Amino acid sequence: MKEQFTAATLAANHSEIPGLTPGLAESLAALTELGKHRLSASEEHEHLWFTLHDMAQQIADTVQDSALPLSSFRAWIVASHIVHAQFGSRGEVAWGRASGALAARLTNISLRREPGNVQT
């Protein structure tokens, strides 16, 4: 049986991620809080996009020796559940764009660290 995610369970889940950076914890809390506010569609999209974009950068910044820490990976998964549970189809576009931005950042980091690539 698939577990149903509510804002309360998601908020509790992100506080249980060992090694989570304070910034990522704040981003998860901000996502949870954002779903509680009545905003226009454009304001909601703007706040959601900003939070996810910032979170993607924070996650990329945690890469160590070409590896993403488990805590960062878990934070991104929890963020996905928060976005889909609280924003539904409204959040899918922002989520897709933020995921694409994160993938591009991680690819860029990986390419810079490959043997034979000279960093200037």
Protein backbone atom coordinates (compact mmCIF):
# COMPACT_ATOMS: atom_id res chain seq x y z
CA MET A 1 0.00 0.00 0.00
CA LYS A 2 1.32 3.42 -0.98
CA GLU A 3 1.85 5.80 1.95
CA GLN A 4 -0.17 9.00 1.81
CA PHE A 5 1.93 12.09 2.37
CA THR A 6 0.45 15.00 4.29
CA ALA A 7 2.10 18.29 5.12
CA ALA A 8 2.50 17.12 8.73
CA THR A 9 4.20 13.83 7.82
CA LEU A 10 6.44 15.54 5.31
CA ALA A 11 7.46 18.20 7.82
CA ALA A 12 8.27 15.48 10.35
CA ASN A 13 10.19 13.44 7.75
CA HIS A 14 12.59 16.22 6.79
CA SER A 15 13.54 16.84 10.40
CA GLU A 16 14.64 13.19 10.60
CA ILE A 17 17.22 13.35 7.80
CA PRO A 18 20.64 12.80 9.42
CA GLY A 19 23.32 15.20 8.22
CA LEU A 20 20.88 17.63 6.61
CA THR A 21 22.38 21.09 6.23
CA PRO A 22 20.54 23.93 8.00
CA GLY A 23 19.91 25.62 4.65
CA LEU A 24 18.23 22.56 3.17
CA ALA A 25 16.18 22.09 6.34
CA GLU A 26 15.02 25.72 5.99
CA SER A 27 14.14 25.17 2.32
CA LEU A 28 12.03 22.12 3.18
CA ALA A 29 10.29 24.07 5.93
CA ALA A 30 9.66 26.95 3.49
CA LEU A 31 8.08 24.55 0.97
CA THR A 32 5.83 23.16 3.68
CA GLU A 33 4.81 26.64 4.83
CA LEU A 34 4.25 27.89 1.28
CA GLY A 35 1.44 25.39 0.82
CA LYS A 36 -0.38 26.88 3.82
CA HIS A 37 -0.64 30.41 2.39
CA ARG A 38 -3.27 31.75 0.04
CA LEU A 39 -1.42 33.35 -2.85
CA SER A 40 -2.34 34.18 -6.41
CA ALA A 41 -1.26 31.56 -8.94
CA SER A 42 1.57 33.76 -10.18
CA GLU A 43 2.81 34.55 -6.65
CA GLU A 44 2.67 30.89 -5.68
CA HIS A 45 4.57 29.88 -8.81
CA GLU A 46 7.20 32.57 -8.20
CA HIS A 47 7.76 31.57 -4.56
CA LEU A 48 7.75 27.87 -5.41
CA TRP A 49 10.21 28.34 -8.27
CA PHE A 50 12.54 30.50 -6.18
CA THR A 51 12.54 28.01 -3.28
CA LEU A 52 13.14 25.00 -5.53
CA HIS A 53 15.80 26.78 -7.61
CA ASP A 54 17.63 27.85 -4.45
CA MET A 55 17.33 24.34 -3.02
CA ALA A 56 18.73 22.82 -6.23
CA GLN A 57 21.77 25.10 -5.93
CA GLN A 58 22.22 24.19 -2.26
CA ILE A 59 22.08 20.49 -3.12
CA ALA A 60 24.62 20.89 -5.93
CA ASP A 61 26.87 22.74 -3.48
CA THR A 62 26.95 19.68 -1.19
CA VAL A 63 28.68 17.46 -3.78
CA GLN A 64 31.91 16.03 -2.34
CA ASP A 65 34.41 14.07 -4.44
CA SER A 66 31.86 13.77 -7.27
CA ALA A 67 29.28 12.22 -4.91
CA LEU A 68 26.01 13.64 -3.68
CA PRO A 69 25.57 13.07 0.07
CA LEU A 70 22.64 10.83 1.01
CA SER A 71 21.15 13.61 3.15
CA SER A 72 20.98 15.91 0.12
CA PHE A 73 19.42 13.20 -2.04
CA ARG A 74 16.84 12.50 0.65
CA ALA A 75 16.05 16.21 0.99
CA TRP A 76 15.36 16.43 -2.76
CA ILE A 77 13.06 13.38 -2.58
CA VAL A 78 11.17 14.86 0.39
CA ALA A 79 10.87 18.15 -1.52
CA SER A 80 9.32 16.22 -4.41
CA HIS A 81 6.71 14.72 -2.11
CA ILE A 82 5.96 18.11 -0.55
CA VAL A 83 5.53 19.77 -3.95
CA HIS A 84 3.30 17.02 -5.31
CA ALA A 85 1.22 16.68 -2.12
CA GLN A 86 0.68 20.40 -1.59
CA PHE A 87 0.69 21.87 -5.09
CA GLY A 88 -0.41 18.96 -7.30
CA SER A 89 -0.36 19.73 -10.98
CA ARG A 90 0.35 23.40 -10.21
CA GLY A 91 3.74 22.39 -8.83
CA GLU A 92 4.72 19.94 -11.55
CA VAL A 93 6.04 22.60 -13.93
CA ALA A 94 8.17 24.26 -11.26
CA TRP A 95 9.35 20.85 -10.03
CA GLY A 96 10.31 19.76 -13.56
CA ARG A 97 12.27 22.94 -14.20
CA ALA A 98 14.06 22.78 -10.85
CA SER A 99 14.91 19.10 -11.40
CA GLY A 100 16.31 19.96 -14.81
CA ALA A 101 18.38 22.77 -13.30
CA LEU A 102 19.73 20.43 -10.62
CA ALA A 103 20.57 17.77 -13.21
CA ALA A 104 22.43 20.35 -15.32
CA ARG A 105 24.40 21.57 -12.29
CA LEU A 106 25.34 18.04 -11.27
CA THR A 107 26.37 17.18 -14.84
CA ASN A 108 28.49 20.32 -14.98
CA ILE A 109 30.18 19.43 -11.69
CA SER A 110 30.81 15.89 -12.92
CA LEU A 111 32.31 17.06 -16.21
CA ARG A 112 34.62 19.52 -14.48
CA ARG A 113 35.98 16.76 -12.26
CA GLU A 114 36.59 14.13 -14.93
CA PRO A 115 40.24 13.21 -15.50
CA GLY A 116 41.66 15.11 -18.45
CA ASN A 117 39.43 18.14 -17.99
CA VAL A 118 41.54 21.13 -17.11
CA GLN A 119 40.01 23.62 -14.71
CA THR A 120 41.00 27.22 -15.16
